[in-house]
Amino acid sequence: MIRLDTSRRLRPPLAIGALLTVTALVASLGAGSAVAATGCYYYAGVVKATTATTMYGVGGRIFIANPAIAYSADMVTSEMSIVHGANVALVETGYRKFGTAYPTLMIGYWKDGSFRDSAGFVTVHPTYRPGMSLAGYVGQPVRFYIRYDGGNWWVWFNDAWVGYFPGSLWAGTFTSGEYTHWYGEVYSTSGGLPLTDMGNGRFGSDPQAAYIDNMCQHGADTICWWMTGASRSETYPSLYSLSYSGGTSLRHGGTGGG
């Protein structure tokens, strides 16, 4: 089993490699959701890139909000992910609000550029599971991890491992990544300006905005090392904005055009 020693997470040396532009970030994230409808995606977050596939996991704490949803087919997430290629292979986790009164635990993956949600996920925890309600966690920061170990991609929620995606889902070809992301996402079906909230509806400049902190990356060892110097991205800052100063935390959110 994976060893998580949060007391030893340290600041890493200077980052290696190029940083992604807004266009590249959106391309690498793709249009990731469980929604198969026509709409627009909006992002506010950061990405850390390397010049090689040397990342074996990603972690952090996500503030669990309960965003206001304008239309029934709209969706909001706050999440982290580790990616190989333009969604050739990806594992993501965080919260998602889509068709529910409260956010739910999102655990999903991509293969060959297609979103497969949690299909194939092996749950090992007695109560935690993909899609469970997070009503009891709203207003709290909750710790998440994704970590490659023993040939599988494990996902941690709050205080325990939920389970894993078997490496066989990618025929053993996805063993590390070159991008790690932490971001908020809104999928809007308004046909005009989005009216659904990201996070708690407060813009990133607001000290009370929703946040992701303790952002870290796994190298070849079992320690999640502090991440700094990521590239920031906001698709439409006037609608959903980001506050990020280059450290291990960010704030994001907004009301869209509402």
Protein backbone atom coordinates (compact mmCIF):
# COMPACT_ATOMS: atom_id res chain seq x y z
CA MET A 1 0.00 0.00 0.00
CA ILE A 2 1.03 3.59 -0.58
CA ARG A 3 2.76 5.51 2.19
CA LEU A 4 1.55 9.08 2.67
CA ASP A 5 3.75 11.08 5.00
CA THR A 6 2.12 14.51 5.00
CA SER A 7 4.49 15.76 7.68
CA ARG A 8 7.38 15.44 5.24
CA ARG A 9 5.92 17.28 2.29
CA LEU A 10 8.60 19.86 1.46
CA ARG A 11 9.12 22.60 -1.06
CA PRO A 12 10.74 21.16 -4.23
CA PRO A 13 13.58 22.67 -6.24
CA LEU A 14 12.76 24.98 -9.14
CA ALA A 15 10.36 23.48 -11.65
CA ILE A 16 11.55 22.00 -14.90
CA GLY A 17 9.94 22.50 -18.27
CA ALA A 18 7.56 24.76 -20.13
CA LEU A 19 4.31 26.19 -18.85
CA LEU A 20 1.04 25.79 -20.71
CA THR A 21 -0.89 28.64 -22.29
CA VAL A 22 -4.63 29.05 -21.73
CA THR A 23 -5.30 27.31 -25.03
CA ALA A 24 -3.05 24.40 -24.18
CA LEU A 25 -4.58 24.08 -20.72
CA VAL A 26 -8.10 23.84 -22.10
CA ALA A 27 -6.90 21.37 -24.74
CA SER A 28 -5.20 19.20 -22.15
CA LEU A 29 -8.23 19.32 -19.85
CA GLY A 30 -10.66 18.70 -22.69
CA ALA A 31 -14.41 18.99 -22.31
CA GLY A 32 -14.46 16.69 -19.31
CA SER A 33 -17.82 15.92 -17.82
CA ALA A 34 -20.58 13.40 -17.60
CA VAL A 35 -22.71 15.71 -19.75
CA ALA A 36 -23.32 14.86 -23.40
CA ALA A 37 -24.99 18.11 -24.45
CA THR A 38 -24.10 21.27 -26.32
CA GLY A 39 -22.71 23.95 -24.05
CA CYS A 40 -19.62 25.89 -23.06
CA TYR A 41 -16.86 25.13 -20.55
CA TYR A 42 -15.18 27.71 -18.34
CA TYR A 43 -12.02 27.10 -16.30
CA ALA A 44 -10.09 28.89 -13.57
CA GLY A 45 -7.04 27.12 -12.19
CA VAL A 46 -3.40 26.24 -12.60
CA VAL A 47 -1.33 23.62 -14.38
CA LYS A 48 2.18 22.38 -13.73
CA ALA A 49 4.06 20.88 -16.64
CA THR A 50 7.36 19.03 -17.00
CA THR A 51 9.40 18.10 -20.03
CA ALA A 52 8.92 14.39 -19.38
CA THR A 53 6.45 12.01 -17.76
CA THR A 54 7.99 12.13 -14.30
CA MET A 55 4.93 12.77 -12.12
CA TYR A 56 3.31 9.87 -10.30
CA GLY A 57 0.54 11.66 -8.43
CA VAL A 58 -1.12 14.87 -7.33
CA GLY A 59 -2.67 16.10 -4.09
CA GLY A 60 -4.20 18.97 -2.21
CA ARG A 61 -7.14 20.16 -0.16
CA ILE A 62 -10.31 21.30 -1.93
CA PHE A 63 -12.82 23.56 -0.22
CA ILE A 64 -16.19 21.87 -0.73
CA ALA A 65 -18.75 24.42 -1.88
CA ASN A 66 -22.37 23.97 -2.93
CA PRO A 67 -22.57 26.12 -6.07
CA ALA A 68 -25.83 27.64 -7.26
CA ILE A 69 -26.87 25.97 -10.52
CA ALA A 70 -28.83 28.01 -13.06
CA TYR A 71 -29.96 25.27 -15.45
CA SER A 72 -30.59 21.59 -14.78
CA ALA A 73 -27.97 20.46 -17.33
CA ASP A 74 -25.26 22.78 -15.97
CA MET A 75 -22.36 21.29 -14.03
CA VAL A 76 -19.68 22.55 -11.64
CA THR A 77 -16.51 20.83 -10.49
CA SER A 78 -13.52 21.67 -8.35
CA GLU A 79 -10.80 19.12 -8.86
CA MET A 80 -7.26 17.97 -9.49
CA SER A 81 -5.91 15.64 -12.13
CA ILE A 82 -2.79 14.04 -13.54
CA VAL A 83 -2.54 13.83 -17.30
CA HIS A 84 -0.54 12.12 -20.00
CA GLY A 85 -0.92 13.81 -23.38
CA ALA A 86 -4.07 15.69 -24.41
CA ASN A 87 -6.31 13.42 -22.32
CA VAL A 88 -4.79 10.29 -23.83
CA ALA A 89 -4.72 9.15 -20.21
CA LEU A 90 -5.96 11.02 -17.15
CA VAL A 91 -7.23 10.44 -13.62
CA GLU A 92 -9.19 13.15 -11.79
CA THR A 93 -10.90 13.65 -8.46
CA GLY A 94 -12.69 16.36 -6.52
CA TYR A 95 -16.32 17.32 -6.21
CA ARG A 96 -18.98 17.61 -8.89
CA LYS A 97 -22.45 19.13 -8.76
CA PHE A 98 -24.64 17.89 -11.59
CA GLY A 99 -28.34 17.15 -11.16
CA THR A 100 -28.09 16.90 -7.37
CA ALA A 101 -28.95 19.14 -4.43
CA TYR A 102 -25.42 18.84 -3.06
CA PRO A 103 -22.00 18.14 -4.58
CA THR A 104 -20.89 14.54 -4.96
CA LEU A 105 -17.52 12.80 -4.90
CA MET A 106 -16.10 12.84 -8.39
CA ILE A 107 -13.62 10.12 -9.36
CA GLY A 108 -13.08 9.70 -13.07
CA TYR A 109 -10.68 8.83 -15.82
CA TRP A 110 -9.98 9.34 -19.51
CA LYS A 111 -8.70 6.94 -22.08
CA ASP A 112 -7.74 7.80 -25.66
CA GLY A 113 -9.33 11.23 -25.33
CA SER A 114 -12.69 9.95 -24.05
CA PHE A 115 -14.16 10.51 -20.60
CA ARG A 116 -15.17 7.23 -18.93
CA ASP A 117 -16.33 8.62 -15.56
CA SER A 118 -15.76 6.00 -12.81
CA ALA A 119 -16.33 2.90 -14.96
CA GLY A 120 -13.87 0.19 -13.90
CA PHE A 121 -13.03 1.83 -10.55
CA VAL A 122 -12.42 -0.71 -7.79
CA THR A 123 -13.78 0.52 -4.46
CA VAL A 124 -12.01 -0.73 -1.32
CA HIS A 125 -13.44 1.62 1.32
CA PRO A 126 -16.53 0.46 3.22
CA THR A 127 -18.42 3.75 2.81
CA TYR A 128 -16.55 6.11 0.48
CA ARG A 129 -17.43 5.62 -3.18
CA PRO A 130 -17.65 7.62 -6.43
CA GLY A 131 -20.84 9.65 -6.61
CA MET A 132 -21.48 9.72 -2.85
CA SER A 133 -23.09 12.87 -1.49
CA LEU A 134 -20.73 15.41 0.06
CA ALA A 135 -23.53 17.30 1.82
CA GLY A 136 -21.83 16.74 5.17
CA TYR A 137 -18.55 18.26 3.92
CA VAL A 138 -19.91 21.53 2.48
CA GLY A 139 -17.99 24.50 3.88
CA GLN A 140 -14.93 22.40 4.76
CA PRO A 141 -11.55 21.78 3.10
CA VAL A 142 -11.08 18.09 2.31
CA ARG A 143 -7.87 16.34 1.31
CA PHE A 144 -7.60 14.46 -2.00
CA TYR A 145 -4.76 12.48 -3.55
CA ILE A 146 -4.16 10.55 -6.74
CA ARG A 147 -1.15 8.24 -6.68
CA TYR A 148 0.26 5.56 -9.00
CA ASP A 149 1.35 2.52 -7.01
CA GLY A 150 1.63 -1.19 -7.68
CA GLY A 151 0.47 -0.83 -11.26
CA ASN A 152 -2.78 1.00 -10.38
CA TRP A 153 -4.01 4.59 -9.90
CA TRP A 154 -5.22 5.05 -6.32
CA VAL A 155 -7.57 7.83 -5.15
CA TRP A 156 -7.69 9.22 -1.61
CA PHE A 157 -10.61 11.16 -0.10
CA ASN A 158 -10.60 12.89 3.29
CA ASP A 159 -8.84 10.32 5.49
CA ALA A 160 -8.60 7.08 3.51
CA TRP A 161 -8.08 5.43 0.15
CA VAL A 162 -11.36 5.07 -1.73
CA GLY A 163 -10.01 2.59 -4.26
CA TYR A 164 -8.18 2.47 -7.57
CA PHE A 165 -8.37 2.42 -11.33
CA PRO A 166 -6.56 -0.73 -12.53
CA GLY A 167 -3.61 0.02 -14.77
CA SER A 168 -5.05 -2.54 -17.16
CA LEU A 169 -7.65 0.05 -18.20
CA TRP A 170 -4.83 1.65 -20.20
CA ALA A 171 -3.15 -1.69 -20.97
CA GLY A 172 -0.34 -0.71 -18.60
CA THR A 173 0.70 2.31 -20.71
CA PHE A 174 -0.30 5.00 -18.18
CA THR A 175 2.23 4.90 -15.37
CA SER A 176 3.05 8.61 -14.94
CA GLY A 177 2.09 12.01 -16.28
CA GLU A 178 3.59 15.23 -17.54
CA TYR A 179 0.81 17.59 -16.42
CA THR A 180 -0.89 18.12 -13.09
CA HIS A 181 -3.93 20.38 -12.75
CA TRP A 182 -5.89 22.04 -9.95
CA TYR A 183 -8.93 23.97 -11.14
CA GLY A 184 -12.59 24.88 -11.08
CA GLU A 185 -14.84 24.17 -14.03
CA VAL A 186 -18.32 25.27 -15.08
CA TYR A 187 -20.29 23.67 -17.89
CA SER A 188 -23.06 26.05 -18.95
CA THR A 189 -26.06 25.34 -21.16
CA SER A 190 -27.46 28.88 -21.00
CA GLY A 191 -26.85 29.61 -24.68
CA GLY A 192 -25.40 32.97 -23.63
CA LEU A 193 -23.46 34.14 -20.63
CA PRO A 194 -23.15 31.43 -17.97
CA LEU A 195 -25.30 31.98 -14.89
CA THR A 196 -24.10 29.06 -12.75
CA ASP A 197 -21.67 29.72 -9.89
CA MET A 198 -18.13 28.39 -9.74
CA GLY A 199 -17.10 27.50 -6.20
CA ASN A 200 -19.09 29.49 -3.66
CA GLY A 201 -19.91 32.21 -6.16
CA ARG A 202 -17.20 34.58 -4.92
CA PHE A 203 -14.54 35.74 -7.38
CA GLY A 204 -10.94 34.70 -6.84
CA SER A 205 -9.96 38.16 -5.61
CA ASP A 206 -12.31 37.77 -2.65
CA PRO A 207 -10.50 36.39 0.44
CA GLN A 208 -13.64 34.35 1.17
CA ALA A 209 -13.64 32.65 -2.26
CA ALA A 210 -13.46 28.87 -2.58
CA TYR A 211 -9.91 27.55 -2.63
CA ILE A 212 -7.54 24.68 -3.23
CA ASP A 213 -4.47 24.59 -1.01
CA ASN A 214 -1.65 22.27 0.05
CA MET A 215 -1.13 21.56 -3.66
CA CYS A 216 1.55 18.92 -4.14
CA GLN A 217 2.99 16.41 -6.60
CA HIS A 218 4.32 12.89 -6.24
CA GLY A 219 7.68 12.07 -7.74
CA ALA A 220 9.10 8.56 -7.85
CA ASP A 221 9.04 8.37 -4.04
CA THR A 222 5.94 8.13 -1.86
CA ILE A 223 5.98 11.72 -0.61
CA CYS A 224 3.74 14.42 -2.10
CA TRP A 225 6.08 17.41 -2.47
CA TRP A 226 4.87 21.00 -2.35
CA MET A 227 4.09 22.40 -5.80
CA THR A 228 5.02 25.99 -6.68
CA GLY A 229 5.39 28.08 -9.80
CA ALA A 230 2.44 26.70 -11.76
CA SER A 231 0.98 28.38 -14.82
CA ARG A 232 -2.33 30.13 -14.21
CA SER A 233 -5.31 30.03 -16.53
CA GLU A 234 -8.67 31.75 -16.67
CA THR A 235 -10.75 31.26 -19.79
CA TYR A 236 -12.94 34.33 -19.04
CA PRO A 237 -11.66 36.23 -15.98
CA SER A 238 -14.64 38.60 -15.99
CA LEU A 239 -16.95 35.62 -15.46
CA TYR A 240 -14.83 33.27 -13.30
CA SER A 241 -11.55 34.44 -11.86
CA LEU A 242 -8.42 33.07 -10.25
CA SER A 243 -6.13 34.35 -7.53
CA TYR A 244 -2.75 32.63 -7.58
CA SER A 245 0.59 34.08 -6.51
CA GLY A 246 2.82 31.16 -7.47
CA GLY A 247 2.66 29.16 -4.25
CA THR A 248 0.80 26.09 -3.04
CA SER A 249 -2.72 27.53 -2.95
CA LEU A 250 -5.26 29.27 -5.16
CA ARG A 251 -8.69 30.85 -4.92
CA HIS A 252 -11.20 30.67 -7.74
CA GLY A 253 -14.84 31.30 -8.49
CA GLY A 254 -17.47 33.72 -9.66
CA THR A 255 -21.08 34.09 -10.69
CA GLY A 256 -20.54 34.05 -14.44
CA GLY A 257 -22.81 36.65 -15.99
CA GLY A 258 -25.29 36.44 -13.12
